[in-house]
Protein backbone atom coordinates (compact mmCIF):
# COMPACT_ATOMS: atom_id res chain seq x y z
CA MET A 1 92.46 107.43 159.25
CA LYS A 2 95.81 105.06 159.96
CA ASN A 3 94.26 102.15 158.26
CA ALA A 4 93.30 104.57 155.17
CA ILE A 5 97.50 105.57 155.15
CA SER A 6 98.57 102.03 155.46
CA LYS A 7 96.86 100.67 152.80
CA PHE A 8 98.00 103.50 150.68
CA VAL A 9 101.43 102.98 151.81
CA LEU A 10 101.00 99.60 151.07
CA THR A 11 99.93 99.84 147.64
CA ALA A 12 102.39 102.38 146.50
CA GLY A 13 104.84 99.95 148.33
CA LEU A 14 104.43 96.73 146.61
CA TYR A 15 103.81 99.40 142.85
CA ALA A 16 107.22 100.76 144.05
CA ALA A 17 108.79 96.71 144.62
CA ALA A 18 106.77 95.88 141.15
CA VAL A 19 108.42 98.38 139.71
CA PHE A 20 112.13 97.39 140.97
CA ALA A 21 111.01 94.06 139.88
CA GLN A 22 110.53 94.96 136.60
CA THR A 23 113.94 96.82 136.15
CA GLY A 24 115.95 94.76 137.50
CA CYS A 25 117.24 92.11 135.21
CA SER A 26 119.74 88.68 136.02
CA ASN A 27 121.61 86.93 133.89
CA ILE A 28 122.01 88.91 131.39
CA LEU A 29 123.55 87.54 128.45
CA VAL A 30 127.34 88.86 127.03
CA PRO A 31 126.94 89.68 123.39
CA ALA A 32 129.79 87.93 120.96
CA HIS A 33 131.23 91.14 119.77
CA SER A 34 131.33 94.56 121.46
CA PRO A 35 127.89 95.47 122.12
CA PRO A 36 125.71 97.42 119.82
CA VAL A 37 125.22 100.89 119.95
CA VAL A 38 121.31 102.13 120.29
CA ALA A 39 119.62 104.91 119.11
CA SER A 40 118.09 107.44 121.50
CA GLY A 41 115.20 106.60 122.66
CA TRP A 42 115.43 103.13 122.73
CA GLN A 43 116.67 100.60 125.12
CA ALA A 44 118.25 96.82 123.98
CA GLN A 45 119.50 93.33 125.20
CA LEU A 46 120.93 90.39 123.97
CA VAL A 47 118.20 87.40 124.89
CA ALA A 48 119.22 84.44 123.14
CA GLY A 49 122.55 82.47 122.00
CA GLY A 50 124.06 79.57 120.89
CA LEU A 51 121.87 79.54 117.28
CA THR A 52 122.85 77.91 114.28
CA LYS A 53 122.42 81.03 111.99
CA PRO A 54 118.97 82.38 112.94
CA ARG A 55 117.21 84.15 110.03
CA SER A 56 113.33 84.78 110.02
CA ILE A 57 112.03 84.93 113.25
CA ALA A 58 107.81 84.64 114.23
CA PHE A 59 105.92 84.42 117.02
CA ASP A 60 103.05 82.36 117.44
CA SER A 61 99.73 82.67 118.98
CA THR A 62 101.20 81.77 122.33
CA GLY A 63 103.90 84.31 122.45
CA ALA A 64 106.45 81.57 121.62
CA LEU A 65 109.56 82.80 119.10
CA LEU A 66 109.78 80.18 116.05
CA ILE A 67 113.43 80.47 114.35
CA VAL A 68 114.57 79.19 110.96
CA GLU A 69 118.25 78.36 111.79
CA SER A 70 119.64 77.90 108.38
CA GLY A 71 120.45 74.30 107.98
CA LYS A 72 119.12 73.06 111.11
CA GLY A 73 115.41 73.79 110.95
CA ILE A 74 113.00 75.47 112.82
CA SER A 75 113.08 75.98 117.18
CA ARG A 76 110.83 77.28 119.47
CA HIS A 77 111.73 79.64 122.21
CA ARG A 78 109.54 80.35 125.25
CA PHE A 79 111.21 83.41 127.94
CA THR A 80 110.47 84.73 131.13
CA ASP A 81 109.20 87.81 130.88
CA ASN A 82 110.42 90.51 133.87
CA GLY A 83 109.01 93.39 131.42
CA GLY A 84 110.56 95.92 129.38
CA THR A 85 113.91 94.42 127.61
CA CYS A 86 114.22 92.09 130.74
CA LEU A 87 113.49 88.53 129.05
CA ALA A 88 115.39 84.88 129.61
CA SER A 89 114.83 82.18 128.02
CA ASN A 90 113.14 78.97 129.82
CA HIS A 91 112.60 76.42 127.47
CA SER A 92 114.00 76.01 123.89
CA HIS A 93 113.29 72.76 121.52
CA MET A 94 113.62 71.69 118.02
CA LEU A 95 110.02 72.28 116.11
CA VAL A 96 111.23 70.70 112.57
CA GLU A 97 113.99 69.50 112.43
CA MET A 98 114.63 69.99 108.26
CA THR A 99 118.69 70.87 107.18
CA THR A 100 117.14 71.82 103.63
CA LEU A 101 115.39 75.03 105.77
CA ASN A 102 117.53 78.25 105.11
CA HIS A 103 115.25 81.32 105.67
CA GLY A 104 111.74 81.86 105.27
CA LEU A 105 109.19 81.50 107.86
CA ALA A 106 105.25 82.51 108.41
CA LEU A 107 102.84 81.65 109.64
CA SER A 108 98.60 81.44 108.98
CA ASP A 109 96.34 84.41 110.07
CA ASP A 110 94.71 81.83 112.50
CA GLY A 111 98.08 80.29 113.85
CA LYS A 112 97.28 76.89 112.62
CA THR A 113 99.79 76.67 109.88
CA LEU A 114 103.40 77.04 109.66
CA TYR A 115 105.39 77.73 106.57
CA ALA A 116 108.87 77.36 105.70
CA SER A 117 110.94 77.28 102.85
CA SER A 118 114.28 75.69 101.25
CA ALA A 119 115.63 77.01 97.98
CA GLU A 120 113.45 74.51 96.12
CA ALA A 121 110.08 74.50 97.61
CA VAL A 122 107.98 76.45 99.92
CA PHE A 123 106.81 73.86 102.98
CA ALA A 124 103.33 73.81 105.70
CA TRP A 125 102.85 72.00 108.72
CA THR A 126 99.82 71.63 110.70
CA TYR A 127 100.93 73.48 113.81
CA ASP A 128 99.55 73.00 117.29
CA ALA A 129 100.70 75.75 118.95
CA PRO A 130 99.60 75.60 122.58
CA GLY A 131 101.67 72.29 122.58
CA GLY A 132 104.39 73.73 120.55
CA SER A 133 104.63 70.72 118.23
CA VAL A 134 103.48 70.22 114.40
CA ILE A 135 101.09 67.57 113.66
CA GLY A 136 101.11 65.28 110.73
CA THR A 137 103.42 65.00 107.56
CA THR A 138 105.26 67.59 106.04
CA ARG A 139 103.35 68.94 102.67
CA THR A 140 105.06 71.10 99.94
CA LEU A 141 102.98 73.87 98.29
CA VAL A 142 105.58 75.88 95.57
CA ALA A 143 108.07 73.96 94.11
CA ASN A 144 110.44 74.55 91.19
CA MET A 145 112.79 77.29 92.42
CA SER A 146 115.99 75.78 92.68
CA ASN A 147 118.79 77.75 91.25
CA SER A 148 122.62 77.44 92.74
CA ASP A 149 122.86 81.21 93.71
CA LEU A 150 120.93 83.52 95.74
CA VAL A 151 118.80 80.82 97.74
CA THR A 152 116.85 82.52 99.86
CA ARG A 153 113.09 82.04 99.59
CA THR A 154 111.15 84.83 101.45
CA LEU A 155 107.72 83.92 102.72
CA LEU A 156 105.15 86.76 103.69
CA MET A 157 101.88 86.05 104.24
CA SER A 158 99.28 88.97 103.49
CA LYS A 159 97.06 90.31 106.19
CA LYS A 160 94.64 92.52 103.70
CA GLN A 161 93.91 89.36 101.39
CA PRO A 162 93.92 85.84 103.61
CA GLY A 163 95.31 83.26 101.78
CA MET A 164 97.79 84.93 99.30
CA LEU A 165 101.58 83.67 100.60
CA LEU A 166 104.35 86.13 98.91
CA VAL A 167 107.08 84.68 97.65
CA SER A 168 110.56 86.41 96.89
CA ARG A 169 113.15 84.59 94.50
CA GLY A 170 116.36 85.65 93.46
CA SER A 171 118.66 85.67 90.25
CA ALA A 172 120.68 82.56 88.82
CA GLU A 173 123.81 84.91 88.44
CA GLU A 174 125.80 82.15 86.94
CA ASN A 175 123.41 83.23 83.57
CA ALA A 176 121.73 86.27 84.24
CA ALA A 177 120.04 86.60 81.12
CA GLN A 178 117.32 84.39 82.34
CA THR A 179 115.91 86.68 84.22
CA GLU A 180 114.71 88.03 81.19
CA VAL A 181 112.17 86.16 80.60
CA VAL A 182 109.34 85.93 83.09
CA THR A 183 108.31 82.38 82.63
CA ASN A 184 112.09 81.44 83.92
CA GLY A 185 110.42 82.66 87.25
CA LEU A 186 113.96 84.40 88.39
CA SER A 187 114.17 87.63 89.89
CA GLN A 188 110.47 87.58 91.26
CA ILE A 189 108.19 87.79 94.06
CA ARG A 190 104.83 85.82 93.14
CA ALA A 191 101.76 85.53 95.38
CA PHE A 192 100.07 82.13 95.66
CA ASN A 193 96.41 81.60 96.85
CA LEU A 194 96.57 78.85 99.62
CA THR A 195 93.01 78.76 99.23
CA ASN A 196 92.87 76.94 96.12
CA LEU A 197 94.89 73.94 97.75
CA THR A 198 93.95 70.73 98.67
CA ALA A 199 95.57 67.66 100.24
CA GLU A 200 95.32 66.15 96.89
CA THR A 201 96.27 68.91 94.74
CA ALA A 202 99.84 69.28 93.25
CA PRO A 203 102.08 71.64 94.16
CA TYR A 204 102.15 75.29 92.47
CA ASN A 205 105.17 75.61 89.84
CA PHE A 206 106.74 78.74 90.80
CA MET A 207 107.73 79.15 87.52
CA ASN A 208 103.88 78.99 85.68
CA ASP A 209 101.68 79.61 88.76
CA GLY A 210 100.29 82.75 90.84
CA LEU A 211 100.85 86.60 90.33
CA VAL A 212 103.72 88.00 89.41
CA LEU A 213 103.90 91.14 91.81
CA GLY A 214 107.47 91.83 90.00
CA TRP A 215 110.28 91.05 88.36
CA GLY A 216 113.63 92.30 86.93
CA LEU A 217 114.73 92.01 91.44
CA ARG A 218 118.07 90.81 91.89
CA ASN A 219 117.05 89.85 95.36
CA SER A 220 114.49 90.83 97.61
CA VAL A 221 115.42 89.53 100.18
CA GLY A 222 113.07 91.42 102.93
CA VAL A 223 109.15 91.69 101.83
CA GLY A 224 106.28 93.82 104.16
CA GLU A 225 102.76 94.65 103.72
CA HIS A 226 101.64 98.13 104.76
CA PRO A 227 98.86 97.78 108.25
CA VAL A 228 97.01 100.17 106.78
CA THR A 229 96.87 100.13 103.01
CA GLY A 230 98.08 96.93 102.56
CA GLY A 231 100.81 98.20 100.24
CA ILE A 232 103.70 95.38 99.59
CA TYR A 233 106.81 97.03 99.42
CA ALA A 234 110.53 95.24 99.16
CA VAL A 235 113.91 95.36 100.24
CA GLU A 236 116.52 94.95 97.45
CA ASN A 237 120.07 93.46 97.19
CA SER A 238 121.64 95.11 94.21
CA VAL A 239 124.38 93.36 92.13
CA ASP A 240 128.14 93.38 93.20
CA GLY A 241 131.63 93.95 91.14
CA VAL A 242 129.83 96.47 88.50
CA GLN A 243 131.53 98.56 85.66
CA ARG A 244 129.66 101.28 83.64
CA ASN A 245 131.44 100.66 79.90
CA GLY A 246 134.69 99.06 81.62
CA VAL A 247 135.40 101.36 84.43
CA ASP A 248 134.44 99.62 88.11
CA VAL A 249 131.84 102.03 89.49
CA HIS A 250 131.30 99.28 92.54
CA GLU A 251 132.57 101.20 95.39
CA ASN A 252 129.42 103.36 95.99
CA ASN A 253 127.40 101.72 93.08
CA PRO A 254 124.17 100.39 92.39
CA GLY A 255 122.56 101.68 95.29
CA GLU A 256 120.24 99.08 97.41
CA GLU A 257 116.21 100.08 96.45
CA LEU A 258 113.19 100.36 98.75
CA ASN A 259 110.24 98.91 95.83
CA PHE A 260 106.67 99.69 95.89
CA PHE A 261 104.42 97.05 94.23
CA GLY A 262 101.22 98.14 94.66
CA SER A 263 98.43 96.25 96.64
CA PHE A 264 95.81 93.39 96.50
CA ASN A 265 93.37 95.49 96.28
CA GLY A 266 94.51 97.46 93.18
CA THR A 267 95.10 100.92 94.87
CA ALA A 268 98.62 101.78 93.43
CA ALA A 269 98.96 98.83 91.49
CA LYS A 270 100.13 100.42 88.30
CA ASN A 271 103.21 98.99 89.51
CA GLN A 272 102.33 95.30 89.83
CA GLY A 273 103.81 92.77 87.18
CA LYS A 274 106.57 95.33 85.89
CA ASN A 275 110.27 95.04 85.30
CA PHE A 276 112.19 97.00 87.86
CA GLY A 277 115.50 96.69 85.67
CA TYR A 278 117.78 93.75 86.74
CA PRO A 279 119.79 92.57 85.23
CA HIS A 280 120.66 96.14 82.88
CA CYS A 281 119.41 99.01 85.27
CA PHE A 282 120.16 100.18 88.36
CA ALA A 283 119.77 102.63 90.63
CA VAL A 284 122.50 105.00 91.26
CA TRP A 285 123.43 105.97 94.92
CA GLN A 286 126.93 107.74 93.95
CA ALA A 287 126.53 109.94 90.26
CA ASP A 288 130.07 111.43 90.21
CA GLU A 289 131.40 107.68 90.34
CA ILE A 290 129.38 106.73 87.34
CA PRO A 291 131.22 108.09 83.40
CA ASP A 292 128.84 109.89 81.12
CA ASN A 293 126.46 110.97 84.09
CA ASP A 294 124.16 113.47 82.63
CA GLY A 295 121.20 113.38 83.84
CA LEU A 296 121.74 110.90 86.91
CA ALA A 297 121.23 111.71 90.17
CA ILE A 298 120.15 109.04 93.21
CA GLY A 299 117.13 107.20 92.62
CA LYS A 300 116.95 107.10 88.78
CA GLN A 301 118.58 104.02 87.24
CA PHE A 302 121.57 103.60 84.83
CA ALA A 303 122.89 101.31 82.39
CA VAL A 304 125.61 99.19 83.25
CA ARG A 305 126.49 98.67 79.42
CA GLU A 306 125.22 101.78 77.27
CA ASN A 307 124.49 101.23 73.95
CA THR A 308 122.51 101.99 71.16
CA THR A 309 119.57 99.65 72.19
CA LEU A 310 120.27 99.87 75.82
CA ARG A 311 120.65 103.61 77.73
CA ASP A 312 119.57 105.21 80.93
CA GLU A 313 116.63 106.79 78.80
CA THR A 314 115.68 103.16 78.22
CA CYS A 315 115.84 102.38 81.61
CA ALA A 316 113.96 105.89 82.89
CA GLU A 317 111.34 104.89 80.26
CA SER A 318 111.46 100.68 80.44
CA TYR A 319 111.53 100.32 84.11
CA VAL A 320 109.72 100.83 87.26
CA PRO A 321 112.76 103.08 89.33
CA PRO A 322 112.75 102.35 93.34
CA ARG A 323 110.58 104.39 95.51
CA LEU A 324 113.42 104.84 97.87
CA THR A 325 117.50 104.29 97.66
CA PHE A 326 119.69 102.81 99.68
CA PRO A 327 123.36 102.85 100.35
CA ALA A 328 125.25 100.38 97.55
CA HIS A 329 126.51 97.27 99.82
CA TYR A 330 124.09 97.69 102.60
CA ALA A 331 122.60 93.86 101.75
CA PRO A 332 118.83 95.10 103.21
CA MET A 333 117.58 91.54 104.80
CA ASP A 334 113.94 92.06 106.25
CA ILE A 335 111.21 95.01 106.51
CA LYS A 336 108.53 95.23 109.22
CA PHE A 337 105.93 97.86 109.70
CA SER A 338 104.81 99.18 112.82
CA GLU A 339 101.48 98.31 113.79
CA GLY A 340 99.96 102.22 112.97
CA GLY A 341 102.00 101.92 109.73
CA GLU A 342 103.95 105.15 110.58
CA THR A 343 107.55 103.73 110.46
CA ALA A 344 109.04 100.91 108.79
CA TYR A 345 112.00 98.98 110.05
CA VAL A 346 115.17 97.27 107.73
CA THR A 347 117.80 95.35 108.86
CA PHE A 348 121.24 95.84 106.72
CA ARG A 349 123.34 92.24 106.73
CA GLY A 350 126.36 94.48 105.76
CA SER A 351 128.92 94.63 102.78
CA PHE A 352 131.51 91.92 101.55
CA ASP A 353 132.33 93.39 98.60
CA ARG A 354 133.29 97.07 99.42
CA SER A 355 136.79 98.18 101.02
CA SER A 356 135.70 99.71 103.58
CA PRO A 357 132.57 97.75 105.52
CA VAL A 358 129.50 99.23 105.67
CA GLY A 359 126.06 98.05 106.71
CA TYR A 360 125.63 96.14 109.67
CA ARG A 361 123.03 97.74 111.50
CA MET A 362 119.04 98.18 111.68
CA SER A 363 117.32 101.45 110.80
CA SER A 364 113.92 102.80 110.53
CA ILE A 365 112.04 104.64 107.74
CA ALA A 366 109.35 107.23 108.45
CA PHE A 367 106.14 106.64 106.09
CA ASN A 368 103.23 108.54 106.23
CA ALA A 369 100.52 106.18 107.65
CA ALA A 370 97.58 106.99 106.33
CA THR A 371 98.79 106.96 102.58
CA GLY A 372 101.11 104.26 103.22
CA GLU A 373 103.81 106.28 101.48
CA PRO A 374 107.30 107.09 102.79
CA VAL A 375 107.80 110.55 104.06
CA ALA A 376 111.09 110.97 101.92
CA ALA A 377 111.34 111.99 98.52
CA PRO A 378 112.80 109.36 95.67
CA ASP A 379 115.89 111.23 95.10
CA SER A 380 116.82 111.50 98.97
CA ASN A 381 119.86 110.50 100.56
CA ASP A 382 118.93 110.42 103.99
CA ALA A 383 115.71 108.43 104.53
CA LEU A 384 117.14 105.94 106.91
CA THR A 385 117.36 106.66 110.56
CA ASP A 386 119.50 103.69 112.59
CA VAL A 387 118.49 102.43 115.70
CA LEU A 388 120.78 99.60 116.33
CA THR A 389 124.61 99.78 115.07
CA ASN A 390 128.07 98.07 115.38
CA ARG A 391 130.32 100.39 117.20
CA ASP A 392 133.02 100.14 114.75
CA ASN A 393 132.60 98.41 111.23
CA LYS A 394 135.78 98.21 110.70
CA ALA A 395 135.71 94.65 112.71
CA CYS A 396 133.11 93.57 110.14
CA PRO A 397 132.12 91.00 108.51
CA ASP A 398 133.81 88.56 111.26
CA GLY A 399 133.21 90.66 114.52
CA CYS A 400 130.11 92.14 114.81
CA PHE A 401 126.89 91.08 114.54
CA ARG A 402 124.47 90.92 110.80
CA PRO A 403 121.32 91.82 111.48
CA VAL A 404 118.73 89.52 109.71
CA GLY A 405 114.90 89.08 110.86
CA MET A 406 112.46 91.14 112.66
CA ALA A 407 109.24 90.69 114.62
CA PHE A 408 106.99 92.58 117.05
CA ASP A 409 105.89 91.01 120.05
CA GLY A 410 102.70 91.38 121.76
CA ALA A 411 104.08 93.72 123.64
CA GLY A 412 105.00 95.76 120.60
CA ARG A 413 108.61 95.18 121.30
CA LEU A 414 111.11 94.48 117.97
CA TRP A 415 113.07 91.16 118.17
CA MET A 416 115.92 90.80 116.05
CA SER A 417 118.22 88.10 114.57
CA SER A 418 122.07 88.10 113.80
CA ASP A 419 122.68 84.62 112.24
CA SER A 420 126.58 85.68 111.89
CA THR A 421 126.69 85.51 115.99
CA GLY A 422 123.75 83.12 116.21
CA GLU A 423 122.06 85.77 118.64
CA ILE A 424 118.49 87.42 119.24
CA TYR A 425 118.14 90.90 120.39
CA VAL A 426 114.84 92.87 121.84
CA LEU A 427 114.49 96.25 121.47
CA GLN A 428 112.07 98.61 123.19
CA ARG A 429 110.97 102.34 123.06
CA THR A 430 112.04 104.33 125.95
CA GLY A 431 110.80 107.84 124.68
CA GLU A 432 111.69 110.09 121.79
CA SER A 433 114.55 112.25 123.81
CA GLY A 434 115.98 109.34 126.25
CA ASP A 435 119.22 108.06 126.40
CA GLY A 436 119.84 104.87 124.00
CA ARG A 437 121.23 102.14 126.08
CA PHE A 438 122.55 98.47 126.00
CA VAL A 439 121.61 96.72 128.56
CA GLN A 440 124.81 94.62 130.27
CA PRO A 441 125.78 92.82 132.97
CA ASP A 442 126.17 94.32 135.78
CA ASP A 443 129.89 95.93 136.32
CA GLY A 444 129.99 95.56 140.28
CA GLY A 445 129.53 99.57 140.56
CA GLY A 446 125.82 99.76 141.29
CA HIS A 447 124.61 100.26 137.99
CA GLU A 448 124.31 98.42 134.37
CA ASN A 449 127.46 98.72 131.90
CA GLY A 450 126.50 101.77 129.58
CA ALA A 451 122.86 101.54 131.07
CA ALA A 452 122.76 104.20 133.64
CA GLY A 453 119.37 104.74 135.31
CA LEU A 454 118.53 100.58 134.94
CA TRP A 455 118.02 99.05 138.33
CA THR A 456 120.48 96.20 138.92
CA ARG A 457 119.51 92.18 140.37
CA GLU A 458 119.74 93.98 143.91
CA ARG A 459 117.85 96.78 143.73
CA SER A 460 115.22 94.81 142.88
CA VAL A 461 115.27 92.73 145.91
CA LEU A 462 116.19 95.72 148.39
CA GLY A 463 112.93 97.26 147.11
CA TRP A 464 110.92 94.15 147.59
CA SER A 465 112.42 93.78 151.29
CA VAL A 466 111.68 97.92 152.25
CA ALA A 467 107.88 97.85 150.51
CA ALA A 468 107.01 94.46 151.83
CA ALA A 469 109.08 95.64 155.62
CA ILE A 470 106.93 99.53 155.15
CA GLY A 471 103.61 97.80 154.60
CA VAL A 472 103.79 95.11 157.18
CA TRP A 473 104.50 97.83 159.95
CA LEU A 474 101.84 100.14 158.82
CA ALA A 475 99.72 97.30 158.99
CA VAL A 476 100.38 95.99 162.57
CA PHE A 477 100.61 99.54 164.30
């Protein structure tokens, strides 16, 4: 009987110690600015800093984190994982040194090819994930994408259609009229079948090659694929400084957009290859700010210069409206779906062309997992639920984090980059009704600042000591 009790208590003690060890976290990093506000049911922690404009991020097959550092290249990072959000960097090195890389990043399905982009081209490298290195020479897969403005080229490898690489290219705003011709290749998302390329094949020409998923898109920086239906969605950065018939309406218009492009298997592909309105028609966010606004409401499109050939009715008849509209100047950067497809997460880098700063957050959108459609109606003004926000947007843009890239790791945690502060955050769900917690260094009072209920490192050591003493005592006596 005593042996059974001893084994039970020893097991319980070791289990408790393991829990203590996982929840205790030492060497916690301090954010560059005020700690973020975390939504109920989430926990967040800063796990890396000192990076150079981190943009897109991705995990390789070994669990290492790859980061595009704009103007520097691609870095690779490994972390000691103590469970939850308690992670600490234990190794970092530059994987690819290439100063023209500025945003896009993707991996092939087998994890053996790495893709990244500059303003001009998409590049590829043979990637040895276990060895943490690229092999051989740099290959150019897609070229002829340069323009002087809106230089990000977002990359997405389709999971539903292997070998299809999606590339998003923004407008050349100094000559927006060029976007009115589809063969100019501006303001578009195109898909390229990489299985058709060989070592001897010339790179795809973005202007002439590939499948046009959509055009008339000012700058669709974030592109995602629904994991169940394969539906392609993109979040659109709309134009700044808009006037309507000479009246300034830029403070709250036009809205940012979530657009839908169908899927590669033909399902719901009616929008594929269609024009979404730029540079003539834009999404309404605040209709009462727009003159001559009869019939206008959230989700509808308005003509920036109404005349005899272009009217609001023309926008409704000739161009594809957004599936959802978000507040103006939020500047969406990325969209990632949860594994089951019931939620999409969007980063908003925030405004620069508004009297009062807005955006600067990561938010979620509820989806119907089976249909791959947002739950909210197209005219909704509350489709977003905030997950991570700044404490005071008045400090932005210089005194706050500005979210960009996201990636899920193998444990289901959501990682996020902030390019303005050179930081990486990790977030994990803790329960729908739990208080939101941002893990900070111990304040000397026995708990983490702003994180009641979290065990400190000292308590972890105590847990191990007590558990071990109890187990040894029972085993002996």
